[in-house]
C-alpha atoms as a PDB file:
ATOM      1  CA  MET A   1     -37.330   2.475 -22.486  1.00  0.00           C
ATOM      2  CA  SER A   2     -34.843  -0.384 -22.353  1.00  0.00           C
ATOM      3  CA  THR A   3     -33.187  -1.325 -19.068  1.00  0.00           C
ATOM      4  CA  THR A   4     -29.382  -1.340 -18.891  1.00  0.00           C
ATOM      5  CA  SER A   5     -27.199  -2.948 -16.262  1.00  0.00           C
ATOM      6  CA  LYS A   6     -26.612   0.519 -14.782  1.00  0.00           C
ATOM      7  CA  ASP A   7     -30.333   0.775 -14.008  1.00  0.00           C
ATOM      8  CA  LEU A   8     -30.423  -2.512 -12.120  1.00  0.00           C
ATOM      9  CA  GLU A   9     -30.302  -2.911  -8.364  1.00  0.00           C
ATOM     10  CA  PRO A  10     -27.360  -4.985  -7.056  1.00  0.00           C
ATOM     11  CA  TRP A  11     -29.582  -8.007  -6.451  1.00  0.00           C
ATOM     12  CA  GLN A  12     -30.609  -7.849 -10.102  1.00  0.00           C
ATOM     13  CA  TRP A  13     -27.068  -7.820 -11.478  1.00  0.00           C
ATOM     14  CA  PRO A  14     -26.098 -10.717 -13.727  1.00  0.00           C
ATOM     15  CA  GLU A  15     -23.233 -12.827 -12.487  1.00  0.00           C
ATOM     16  CA  GLU A  16     -20.878 -11.322 -15.055  1.00  0.00           C
ATOM     17  CA  GLN A  17     -21.375  -7.867 -13.576  1.00  0.00           C
ATOM     18  CA  TRP A  18     -20.825  -8.642  -9.910  1.00  0.00           C
ATOM     19  CA  ARG A  19     -18.024 -11.106 -10.629  1.00  0.00           C
ATOM     20  CA  LYS A  20     -16.143  -8.458 -12.631  1.00  0.00           C
ATOM     21  CA  ILE A  21     -16.285  -6.118  -9.616  1.00  0.00           C
ATOM     22  CA  VAL A  22     -15.145  -8.808  -7.190  1.00  0.00           C
ATOM     23  CA  ASP A  23     -12.299  -9.996  -9.426  1.00  0.00           C
ATOM     24  CA  HIS A  24     -10.823  -6.562 -10.187  1.00  0.00           C
ATOM     25  CA  VAL A  25      -8.508  -6.480  -7.131  1.00  0.00           C
ATOM     26  CA  ARG A  26      -7.891  -9.781  -5.373  1.00  0.00           C
ATOM     27  CA  ALA A  27      -5.500 -11.489  -3.012  1.00  0.00           C
ATOM     28  CA  GLY A  28      -3.062 -13.719  -4.856  1.00  0.00           C
ATOM     29  CA  GLN A  29      -0.309 -15.967  -3.586  1.00  0.00           C
ATOM     30  CA  SER A  30       0.567 -15.801   0.093  1.00  0.00           C
ATOM     31  CA  TYR A  31       3.925 -14.373   1.090  1.00  0.00           C
ATOM     32  CA  ARG A  32       4.443 -16.109   4.418  1.00  0.00           C
ATOM     33  CA  PRO A  33       8.018 -17.050   5.264  1.00  0.00           C
ATOM     34  CA  ALA A  34       8.747 -20.150   7.295  1.00  0.00           C
ATOM     35  CA  LYS A  35      10.839 -17.974   9.611  1.00  0.00           C
ATOM     36  CA  TRP A  36      11.389 -14.265   9.859  1.00  0.00           C
ATOM     37  CA  LYS A  37      14.718 -12.473   9.726  1.00  0.00           C
ATOM     38  CA  ASP A  38      17.479 -14.054  11.834  1.00  0.00           C
ATOM     39  CA  GLY A  39      15.138 -16.936  12.672  1.00  0.00           C
ATOM     40  CA  ALA A  40      12.566 -14.794  14.453  1.00  0.00           C
ATOM     41  CA  ARG A  41       9.174 -16.353  15.071  1.00  0.00           C
ATOM     42  CA  MET A  42       7.096 -13.227  14.469  1.00  0.00           C
ATOM     43  CA  ALA A  43       7.315  -9.819  12.756  1.00  0.00           C
ATOM     44  CA  PHE A  44       6.160  -6.716  14.638  1.00  0.00           C
ATOM     45  CA  ALA A  45       5.240  -3.790  12.365  1.00  0.00           C
ATOM     46  CA  VAL A  46       3.845  -0.633  13.952  1.00  0.00           C
ATOM     47  CA  SER A  47       2.746   2.349  11.865  1.00  0.00           C
ATOM     48  CA  PHE A  48       1.639   5.921  12.402  1.00  0.00           C
ATOM     49  CA  ASP A  49      -0.607   7.751   9.924  1.00  0.00           C
ATOM     50  CA  SER A  50       0.612  11.329  10.320  1.00  0.00           C
ATOM     51  CA  ASP A  51      -2.555  12.987   9.049  1.00  0.00           C
ATOM     52  CA  HIS A  52      -2.188  16.130  11.180  1.00  0.00           C
ATOM     53  CA  GLU A  53      -4.274  19.004   9.729  1.00  0.00           C
ATOM     54  CA  THR A  54      -5.277  17.146   6.551  1.00  0.00           C
ATOM     55  CA  ASN A  55      -8.217  15.407   8.223  1.00  0.00           C
ATOM     56  CA  GLU A  56      -9.899  18.809   8.279  1.00  0.00           C
ATOM     57  CA  LEU A  57      -8.450  20.210   5.067  1.00  0.00           C
ATOM     58  CA  ARG A  58      -9.510  17.318   2.830  1.00  0.00           C
ATOM     59  CA  GLU A  59     -13.179  18.162   3.364  1.00  0.00           C
ATOM     60  CA  GLY A  60     -12.561  21.843   2.667  1.00  0.00           C
ATOM     61  CA  GLY A  61     -12.936  22.446   6.400  1.00  0.00           C
ATOM     62  CA  LYS A  62     -11.639  25.522   8.167  1.00  0.00           C
ATOM     63  CA  SER A  63     -12.150  24.596  11.811  1.00  0.00           C
ATOM     64  CA  PHE A  64      -9.204  25.931  13.773  1.00  0.00           C
ATOM     65  CA  GLY A  65     -10.167  23.630  16.624  1.00  0.00           C
ATOM     66  CA  ARG A  66      -9.803  20.523  14.503  1.00  0.00           C
ATOM     67  CA  MET A  67      -6.659  21.840  12.860  1.00  0.00           C
ATOM     68  CA  SER A  68      -5.146  22.451  16.297  1.00  0.00           C
ATOM     69  CA  TRP A  69      -5.864  18.793  17.063  1.00  0.00           C
ATOM     70  CA  GLY A  70      -3.860  17.966  13.954  1.00  0.00           C
ATOM     71  CA  GLN A  71      -1.081  20.317  15.011  1.00  0.00           C
ATOM     72  CA  TYR A  72      -0.861  18.415  18.284  1.00  0.00           C
ATOM     73  CA  GLY A  73       0.299  15.501  16.146  1.00  0.00           C
ATOM     74  CA  ASN A  74       3.377  17.477  15.131  1.00  0.00           C
ATOM     75  CA  ARG A  75       3.903  19.538  18.276  1.00  0.00           C
ATOM     76  CA  GLN A  76       3.576  16.857  20.955  1.00  0.00           C
ATOM     77  CA  ALA A  77       2.719  13.411  19.606  1.00  0.00           C
ATOM     78  CA  ILE A  78       5.529  12.823  17.098  1.00  0.00           C
ATOM     79  CA  PRO A  79       8.281  13.826  19.569  1.00  0.00           C
ATOM     80  CA  ARG A  80       6.754  11.563  22.219  1.00  0.00           C
ATOM     81  CA  ILE A  81       6.433   8.686  19.755  1.00  0.00           C
ATOM     82  CA  LEU A  82      10.003   9.052  18.514  1.00  0.00           C
ATOM     83  CA  THR A  83      11.301   9.121  22.096  1.00  0.00           C
ATOM     84  CA  LEU A  84       9.393   5.915  22.851  1.00  0.00           C
ATOM     85  CA  LEU A  85      10.662   4.147  19.740  1.00  0.00           C
ATOM     86  CA  GLN A  86      14.218   5.270  20.401  1.00  0.00           C
ATOM     87  CA  LYS A  87      14.023   3.984  23.974  1.00  0.00           C
ATOM     88  CA  HIS A  88      13.109   0.515  22.714  1.00  0.00           C
ATOM     89  CA  ASP A  89      15.251   0.675  19.540  1.00  0.00           C
ATOM     90  CA  VAL A  90      12.189  -0.203  17.463  1.00  0.00           C
ATOM     91  CA  PRO A  91      11.727   1.034  13.874  1.00  0.00           C
ATOM     92  CA  ALA A  92       8.332   2.144  12.603  1.00  0.00           C
ATOM     93  CA  THR A  93       6.605   3.342   9.454  1.00  0.00           C
ATOM     94  CA  PHE A  94       5.049   6.795   9.158  1.00  0.00           C
ATOM     95  CA  TYR A  95       2.469   7.351   6.410  1.00  0.00           C
ATOM     96  CA  VAL A  96       2.607  11.026   5.515  1.00  0.00           C
ATOM     97  CA  PRO A  97       0.358  13.074   3.195  1.00  0.00           C
ATOM     98  CA  GLY A  98       2.230  15.412   0.853  1.00  0.00           C
ATOM     99  CA  VAL A  99       0.634  18.458   2.488  1.00  0.00           C
ATOM    100  CA  VAL A 100       1.889  17.335   5.910  1.00  0.00           C
ATOM    101  CA  ALA A 101       5.403  16.839   4.551  1.00  0.00           C
ATOM    102  CA  THR A 102       5.215  20.355   3.108  1.00  0.00           C
ATOM    103  CA  LEU A 103       3.997  21.834   6.400  1.00  0.00           C
ATOM    104  CA  TYR A 104       6.497  19.919   8.540  1.00  0.00           C
ATOM    105  CA  PRO A 105       9.580  18.979   6.515  1.00  0.00           C
ATOM    106  CA  ASP A 106      11.836  18.890   9.589  1.00  0.00           C
ATOM    107  CA  GLU A 107       9.528  16.330  11.181  1.00  0.00           C
ATOM    108  CA  GLN A 108       9.961  13.975   8.228  1.00  0.00           C
ATOM    109  CA  ARG A 109      13.723  14.438   8.147  1.00  0.00           C
ATOM    110  CA  ARG A 110      13.881  13.666  11.865  1.00  0.00           C
ATOM    111  CA  ILE A 111      11.824  10.515  11.374  1.00  0.00           C
ATOM    112  CA  VAL A 112      14.048   9.236   8.572  1.00  0.00           C
ATOM    113  CA  GLY A 113      17.169  10.320  10.438  1.00  0.00           C
ATOM    114  CA  GLN A 114      16.194   8.044  13.321  1.00  0.00           C
ATOM    115  CA  GLY A 115      15.915   5.027  11.047  1.00  0.00           C
ATOM    116  CA  HIS A 116      12.188   4.950  10.401  1.00  0.00           C
ATOM    117  CA  GLU A 117      10.303   4.689   7.123  1.00  0.00           C
ATOM    118  CA  VAL A 118       8.271   7.514   5.582  1.00  0.00           C
ATOM    119  CA  ALA A 119       5.710   6.220   3.079  1.00  0.00           C
ATOM    120  CA  LEU A 120       2.981   7.625   0.855  1.00  0.00           C
ATOM    121  CA  HIS A 121      -0.406   8.621   2.257  1.00  0.00           C
ATOM    122  CA  GLY A 122      -1.998  10.738  -0.437  1.00  0.00           C
ATOM    123  CA  TRP A 123      -1.655  14.459  -1.004  1.00  0.00           C
ATOM    124  CA  ILE A 124      -4.221  16.096   1.291  1.00  0.00           C
ATOM    125  CA  HIS A 125      -5.727  12.892   2.733  1.00  0.00           C
ATOM    126  CA  GLU A 126      -8.132  12.766  -0.206  1.00  0.00           C
ATOM    127  CA  LEU A 127     -10.488   9.876  -0.877  1.00  0.00           C
ATOM    128  CA  ASN A 128      -9.346   7.963  -3.954  1.00  0.00           C
ATOM    129  CA  SER A 129     -12.795   6.628  -4.781  1.00  0.00           C
ATOM    130  CA  VAL A 130     -14.091  10.075  -5.780  1.00  0.00           C
ATOM    131  CA  LEU A 131     -11.173  10.771  -8.143  1.00  0.00           C
ATOM    132  CA  SER A 132     -10.577  10.033 -11.798  1.00  0.00           C
ATOM    133  CA  TYR A 133      -7.578   7.931 -12.778  1.00  0.00           C
ATOM    134  CA  GLU A 134      -5.765  11.066 -13.966  1.00  0.00           C
ATOM    135  CA  ASP A 135      -6.367  13.020 -10.749  1.00  0.00           C
ATOM    136  CA  GLU A 136      -5.504  10.127  -8.452  1.00  0.00           C
ATOM    137  CA  ARG A 137      -2.275   9.452 -10.343  1.00  0.00           C
ATOM    138  CA  GLU A 138      -1.285  13.120 -10.377  1.00  0.00           C
ATOM    139  CA  LEU A 139      -1.788  13.429  -6.614  1.00  0.00           C
ATOM    140  CA  MET A 140       0.178  10.228  -5.961  1.00  0.00           C
ATOM    141  CA  LEU A 141       3.066  11.469  -8.095  1.00  0.00           C
ATOM    142  CA  ARG A 142       2.939  14.901  -6.474  1.00  0.00           C
ATOM    143  CA  ALA A 143       3.093  13.362  -3.007  1.00  0.00           C
ATOM    144  CA  ASP A 144       5.914  11.054  -4.083  1.00  0.00           C
ATOM    145  CA  GLU A 145       7.939  14.009  -5.361  1.00  0.00           C
ATOM    146  CA  VAL A 146       7.493  15.965  -2.134  1.00  0.00           C
ATOM    147  CA  LEU A 147       8.361  13.074   0.190  1.00  0.00           C
ATOM    148  CA  THR A 148      11.406  12.196  -1.894  1.00  0.00           C
ATOM    149  CA  ARG A 149      12.631  15.785  -1.961  1.00  0.00           C
ATOM    150  CA  VAL A 150      12.002  16.440   1.732  1.00  0.00           C
ATOM    151  CA  THR A 151      13.471  13.207   3.118  1.00  0.00           C
ATOM    152  CA  GLY A 152      16.039  12.345   0.442  1.00  0.00           C
ATOM    153  CA  VAL A 153      14.523   8.837   0.324  1.00  0.00           C
ATOM    154  CA  LYS A 154      12.071   7.669  -2.348  1.00  0.00           C
ATOM    155  CA  PRO A 155       9.012   5.985  -0.802  1.00  0.00           C
ATOM    156  CA  VAL A 156       8.494   2.319  -1.667  1.00  0.00           C
ATOM    157  CA  GLY A 157       5.091   1.843  -0.065  1.00  0.00           C
ATOM    158  CA  VAL A 158       1.689   3.428   0.209  1.00  0.00           C
ATOM    159  CA  ARG A 159      -1.331   3.431   2.476  1.00  0.00           C
ATOM    160  CA  THR A 160      -4.429   4.926   0.906  1.00  0.00           C
ATOM    161  CA  CYS A 161      -6.142   7.589   2.985  1.00  0.00           C
ATOM    162  CA  SER A 162      -8.883   6.061   5.134  1.00  0.00           C
ATOM    163  CA  TRP A 163      -8.001   2.799   3.321  1.00  0.00           C
ATOM    164  CA  ASP A 164     -10.105   4.093   0.415  1.00  0.00           C
ATOM    165  CA  PHE A 165      -8.983   1.956  -2.536  1.00  0.00           C
ATOM    166  CA  SER A 166     -10.342   3.003  -5.936  1.00  0.00           C
ATOM    167  CA  PRO A 167     -10.600   0.919  -9.138  1.00  0.00           C
ATOM    168  CA  HIS A 168      -7.478   2.785 -10.328  1.00  0.00           C
ATOM    169  CA  THR A 169      -5.314   2.567  -7.200  1.00  0.00           C
ATOM    170  CA  LEU A 170      -3.557  -0.735  -7.840  1.00  0.00           C
ATOM    171  CA  ARG A 171      -2.873   0.156 -11.480  1.00  0.00           C
ATOM    172  CA  ILE A 172      -1.201   3.389 -10.346  1.00  0.00           C
ATOM    173  CA  GLU A 173       0.828   1.608  -7.659  1.00  0.00           C
ATOM    174  CA  LYS A 174       2.079  -0.864 -10.256  1.00  0.00           C
ATOM    175  CA  GLU A 175       2.927   1.912 -12.719  1.00  0.00           C
ATOM    176  CA  MET A 176       4.903   3.696 -10.002  1.00  0.00           C
ATOM    177  CA  GLY A 177       6.876   0.536  -9.259  1.00  0.00           C
ATOM    178  CA  LEU A 178       5.932   0.494  -5.579  1.00  0.00           C
ATOM    179  CA  LEU A 179       6.995  -2.482  -3.498  1.00  0.00           C
ATOM    180  CA  TYR A 180       3.928  -2.685  -1.311  1.00  0.00           C
ATOM    181  CA  ASP A 181       0.525  -1.402  -0.283  1.00  0.00           C
ATOM    182  CA  SER A 182      -0.950  -1.430   3.224  1.00  0.00           C
ATOM    183  CA  SER A 183      -4.651  -0.638   2.784  1.00  0.00           C
ATOM    184  CA  LEU A 184      -6.520  -3.938   2.297  1.00  0.00           C
ATOM    185  CA  MET A 185      -7.709  -6.725   4.552  1.00  0.00           C
ATOM    186  CA  ALA A 186      -7.839 -10.136   2.832  1.00  0.00           C
ATOM    187  CA  ASP A 187      -5.406 -11.897   5.177  1.00  0.00           C
ATOM    188  CA  TYR A 188      -3.201 -11.634   8.253  1.00  0.00           C
ATOM    189  CA  ASP A 189      -0.097 -12.474   6.218  1.00  0.00           C
ATOM    190  CA  CYS A 190       1.431 -10.576   3.318  1.00  0.00           C
ATOM    191  CA  TYR A 191       0.153 -11.535  -0.115  1.00  0.00           C
ATOM    192  CA  GLU A 192       0.532 -10.523  -3.741  1.00  0.00           C
ATOM    193  CA  LEU A 193      -2.107  -8.231  -5.201  1.00  0.00           C
ATOM    194  CA  VAL A 194      -3.803  -9.422  -8.390  1.00  0.00           C
ATOM    195  CA  LEU A 195      -5.330  -6.989 -10.903  1.00  0.00           C
ATOM    196  CA  ASP A 196      -7.995  -8.409 -13.230  1.00  0.00           C
ATOM    197  CA  GLY A 197      -6.528 -11.886 -12.798  1.00  0.00           C
ATOM    198  CA  GLU A 198      -2.919 -10.835 -13.417  1.00  0.00           C
ATOM    199  CA  PRO A 199      -0.265 -10.848 -10.659  1.00  0.00           C
ATOM    200  CA  THR A 200       1.152  -7.359 -10.102  1.00  0.00           C
ATOM    201  CA  GLY A 201       4.224  -8.000  -7.966  1.00  0.00           C
ATOM    202  CA  VAL A 202       2.861  -5.494  -5.445  1.00  0.00           C
ATOM    203  CA  VAL A 203       2.871  -6.884  -1.904  1.00  0.00           C
ATOM    204  CA  GLU A 204      -0.074  -6.262   0.400  1.00  0.00           C
ATOM    205  CA  LEU A 205       0.770  -5.884   4.100  1.00  0.00           C
ATOM    206  CA  PRO A 206      -2.795  -6.151   5.398  1.00  0.00           C
ATOM    207  CA  VAL A 207      -4.497  -3.872   7.900  1.00  0.00           C
ATOM    208  CA  GLU A 208      -7.698  -4.279   9.913  1.00  0.00           C
ATOM    209  CA  TRP A 209      -9.975  -1.893  11.815  1.00  0.00           C
ATOM    210  CA  MET A 210      -9.565  -3.809  15.084  1.00  0.00           C
ATOM    211  CA  ARG A 211      -5.829  -2.995  14.910  1.00  0.00           C
ATOM    212  CA  ASP A 212      -6.481   0.737  14.344  1.00  0.00           C
ATOM    213  CA  ASP A 213      -6.669   3.265  17.185  1.00  0.00           C
ATOM    214  CA  ALA A 214      -9.256   5.487  15.462  1.00  0.00           C
ATOM    215  CA  VAL A 215     -12.169   3.088  15.974  1.00  0.00           C
ATOM    216  CA  TYR A 216     -11.606   3.130  19.721  1.00  0.00           C
ATOM    217  CA  PHE A 217     -10.687   6.751  20.420  1.00  0.00           C
ATOM    218  CA  TRP A 218     -11.835   8.979  17.533  1.00  0.00           C
ATOM    219  CA  MET A 219     -14.591  11.540  17.997  1.00  0.00           C
ATOM    220  CA  HIS A 220     -16.135  14.414  16.065  1.00  0.00           C
ATOM    221  CA  ARG A 221     -17.989  17.073  18.015  1.00  0.00           C
ATOM    222  CA  PHE A 222     -20.355  17.962  15.174  1.00  0.00           C
ATOM    223  CA  GLN A 223     -21.145  14.433  14.065  1.00  0.00           C
ATOM    224  CA  ASN A 224     -22.639  11.434  15.789  1.00  0.00           C
ATOM    225  CA  LEU A 225     -19.180  10.005  16.291  1.00  0.00           C
ATOM    226  CA  ARG A 226     -18.210   9.504  19.900  1.00  0.00           C
ATOM    227  CA  PRO A 227     -16.825   6.005  20.359  1.00  0.00           C
ATOM    228  CA  TYR A 228     -14.621   5.472  23.349  1.00  0.00           C
ATOM    229  CA  THR A 229     -12.969   2.326  24.626  1.00  0.00           C
ATOM    230  CA  PRO A 230     -10.841   2.439  27.781  1.00  0.00           C
ATOM    231  CA  PRO A 231      -7.124   2.157  26.962  1.00  0.00           C
ATOM    232  CA  HIS A 232      -6.760  -1.012  29.037  1.00  0.00           C
ATOM    233  CA  ASP A 233      -9.410  -2.694  26.890  1.00  0.00           C
ATOM    234  CA  VAL A 234      -7.625  -1.616  23.700  1.00  0.00           C
ATOM    235  CA  LEU A 235      -4.377  -3.020  25.056  1.00  0.00           C
ATOM    236  CA  GLU A 236      -6.095  -6.337  25.738  1.00  0.00           C
ATOM    237  CA  ILE A 237      -7.474  -6.572  22.180  1.00  0.00           C
ATOM    238  CA  TRP A 238      -4.120  -5.750  20.626  1.00  0.00           C
ATOM    239  CA  ARG A 239      -2.218  -8.026  22.976  1.00  0.00           C
ATOM    240  CA  LYS A 240      -4.435 -10.948  22.000  1.00  0.00           C
ATOM    241  CA  GLU A 241      -3.743 -10.172  18.337  1.00  0.00           C
ATOM    242  CA  LEU A 242      -0.015 -10.080  19.083  1.00  0.00           C
ATOM    243  CA  ASP A 243      -0.103 -13.346  21.030  1.00  0.00           C
ATOM    244  CA  ALA A 244      -1.984 -15.083  18.196  1.00  0.00           C
ATOM    245  CA  ALA A 245       0.504 -13.776  15.616  1.00  0.00           C
ATOM    246  CA  TRP A 246       3.348 -15.100  17.757  1.00  0.00           C
ATOM    247  CA  GLU A 247       1.709 -18.528  18.064  1.00  0.00           C
ATOM    248  CA  GLU A 248       1.153 -18.705  14.287  1.00  0.00           C
ATOM    249  CA  GLY A 249       4.531 -17.302  13.303  1.00  0.00           C
ATOM    250  CA  GLY A 250       2.911 -14.381  11.501  1.00  0.00           C
ATOM    251  CA  ILE A 251       2.813 -10.589  11.599  1.00  0.00           C
ATOM    252  CA  PHE A 252       1.532  -8.263  14.257  1.00  0.00           C
ATOM    253  CA  GLN A 253       0.638  -5.115  12.308  1.00  0.00           C
ATOM    254  CA  LEU A 254      -0.713  -2.004  14.017  1.00  0.00           C
ATOM    255  CA  THR A 255      -2.134   1.230  12.568  1.00  0.00           C
ATOM    256  CA  THR A 256      -2.219   4.331  14.760  1.00  0.00           C
ATOM    257  CA  HIS A 257      -2.426   8.117  14.389  1.00  0.00           C
ATOM    258  CA  PRO A 258      -0.141  10.547  16.247  1.00  0.00           C
ATOM    259  CA  HIS A 259      -3.019  12.916  17.090  1.00  0.00           C
ATOM    260  CA  VAL A 260      -5.042   9.994  18.465  1.00  0.00           C
ATOM    261  CA  ILE A 261      -2.596   7.624  20.183  1.00  0.00           C
ATOM    262  CA  GLY A 262      -0.044  10.284  21.148  1.00  0.00           C
ATOM    263  CA  TYR A 263      -1.458  11.234  24.533  1.00  0.00           C
ATOM    264  CA  ARG A 264      -0.057  10.404  27.962  1.00  0.00           C
ATOM    265  CA  SER A 265      -3.040   8.193  28.797  1.00  0.00           C
ATOM    266  CA  ARG A 266      -2.749   6.210  25.535  1.00  0.00           C
ATOM    267  CA  LEU A 267       0.826   6.059  24.277  1.00  0.00           C
ATOM    268  CA  TRP A 268       1.719   3.685  27.076  1.00  0.00           C
ATOM    269  CA  ILE A 269      -0.290   1.036  25.169  1.00  0.00           C
ATOM    270  CA  ILE A 270       2.398   0.857  22.485  1.00  0.00           C
ATOM    271  CA  ASP A 271       5.091   0.885  25.133  1.00  0.00           C
ATOM    272  CA  GLU A 272       3.425  -2.085  26.816  1.00  0.00           C
ATOM    273  CA  LEU A 273       2.986  -3.981  23.549  1.00  0.00           C
ATOM    274  CA  ILE A 274       6.689  -3.614  22.736  1.00  0.00           C
ATOM    275  CA  ARG A 275       7.637  -4.781  26.220  1.00  0.00           C
ATOM    276  CA  HIS A 276       5.265  -7.724  25.921  1.00  0.00           C
ATOM    277  CA  ALA A 277       6.684  -8.739  22.542  1.00  0.00           C
ATOM    278  CA  LYS A 278      10.265  -8.497  23.784  1.00  0.00           C
ATOM    279  CA  ALA A 279       9.404 -10.612  26.837  1.00  0.00           C
ATOM    280  CA  LYS A 280       8.006 -13.354  24.578  1.00  0.00           C
ATOM    281  CA  GLY A 281      11.189 -13.374  22.493  1.00  0.00           C
ATOM    282  CA  GLY A 282      11.729 -14.339  18.880  1.00  0.00           C
ATOM    283  CA  VAL A 283      10.241 -11.094  17.564  1.00  0.00           C
ATOM    284  CA  TRP A 284      11.633  -9.104  14.643  1.00  0.00           C
ATOM    285  CA  PHE A 285      10.747  -5.415  14.891  1.00  0.00           C
ATOM    286  CA  ALA A 286      10.726  -3.920  11.399  1.00  0.00           C
ATOM    287  CA  THR A 287       9.274  -1.251   9.158  1.00  0.00           C
ATOM    288  CA  HIS A 288       6.454  -2.137   6.811  1.00  0.00           C
ATOM    289  CA  ALA A 289       8.855  -1.937   3.864  1.00  0.00           C
ATOM    290  CA  GLN A 290      11.250  -4.372   5.536  1.00  0.00           C
ATOM    291  CA  VAL A 291       8.452  -6.817   6.349  1.00  0.00           C
ATOM    292  CA  ALA A 292       6.999  -6.667   2.824  1.00  0.00           C
ATOM    293  CA  ALA A 293      10.377  -7.142   1.157  1.00  0.00           C
ATOM    294  CA  TYR A 294      11.396 -10.045   3.412  1.00  0.00           C
ATOM    295  CA  ALA A 295       8.022 -11.768   3.043  1.00  0.00           C
ATOM    296  CA  LYS A 296       8.145 -11.525  -0.743  1.00  0.00           C
ATOM    297  CA  GLU A 297      11.725 -12.787  -0.986  1.00  0.00           C
ATOM    298  CA  ASN A 298      11.382 -15.606   1.541  1.00  0.00           C
ATOM    299  CA  ALA A 299       7.859 -16.941   1.114  1.00  0.00           C
ATOM    300  CA  ALA A 300       7.691 -20.634   1.967  1.00  0.00           C
END
C-alpha cells in the first residue's frame, strides 16, 4: 500500500504541505496610523460578545441552568453595560449571533439606537472549522440578513465564534464585502488579511486571549473548567496592556461577554479602564468598525 501525504504525521510532512497551510491566511501590510482621529495618541476599542443562550444551544445542549446564565446577559448585563457606556459617552461593538438577535430584537435596536455597533458573530455560535464552505457561507448570510433586518443597519464586521477561523472564512468575508474581521492574533495593530498570497482588502482588528474576560472568569460545572482570577488582578493585566498601547500609539482592544463581565463585582473593571484612559488623555474611544476604517484609510 502506497503512503499518501494524508497518512503522514505532521513531522513527516514535506515543506510544500506545511507551508501551504501556513500561507493560506496571513497578516499582510500593517494599518497603523501615525495619529488617531483628531490627533489622539491611542484608540480604545471595547467589545461585547453577546452569546447569551447560544453557548449552550450550539452543542445541542438543553441545560436550563446554562441557558438562564445566557439570559442573564440580556436581562441584567446588557442594561448595566449600556448604562455604563452612556455614563462615559463611550461607543462599543457588540458581536451578536443571529439566534440572539432573533430572541432579543429590542436589545439590538437599543444598542444601535445608543450609537453602538452590532456586528456578525455567527448564527448559533457554531464552530466554523467543522462546517463546509456552503454551510458556513449560508449561516453567515443568514445571520447578516437577520441583523440587518432587526437593526436597520448592515453589519460591516465579523468576529468568528470562539475565534474559530476555518479555511473558508476569509474567502466568505471577502465575498460578502466586509470591512473587517476581529478573530485573529498576528499583531497588536490592524493589518490587511492575505489569502493564498493575495491581499483581500479585509482589515484585521486583532484580539488576544489575555484581553478576553472568559479566560479569567469562565467556568463549566460539568467539565474540568474552573479558572478564576480576582477582578483586581484582571484589571492590572488589562491596565498594563492599555498603558503599553498608549505609550506605543496603538490600539487597546478588549473582548468581553455580557454574561461573564456583567456582574456587580466585575463590571467596575471596564469602568475603571475608561476612567484610567480618560485620565491619561489623548484617547479616541471608537467602535471596532470605526477603528478598522480609520486605520485602513490613514496607515502611515
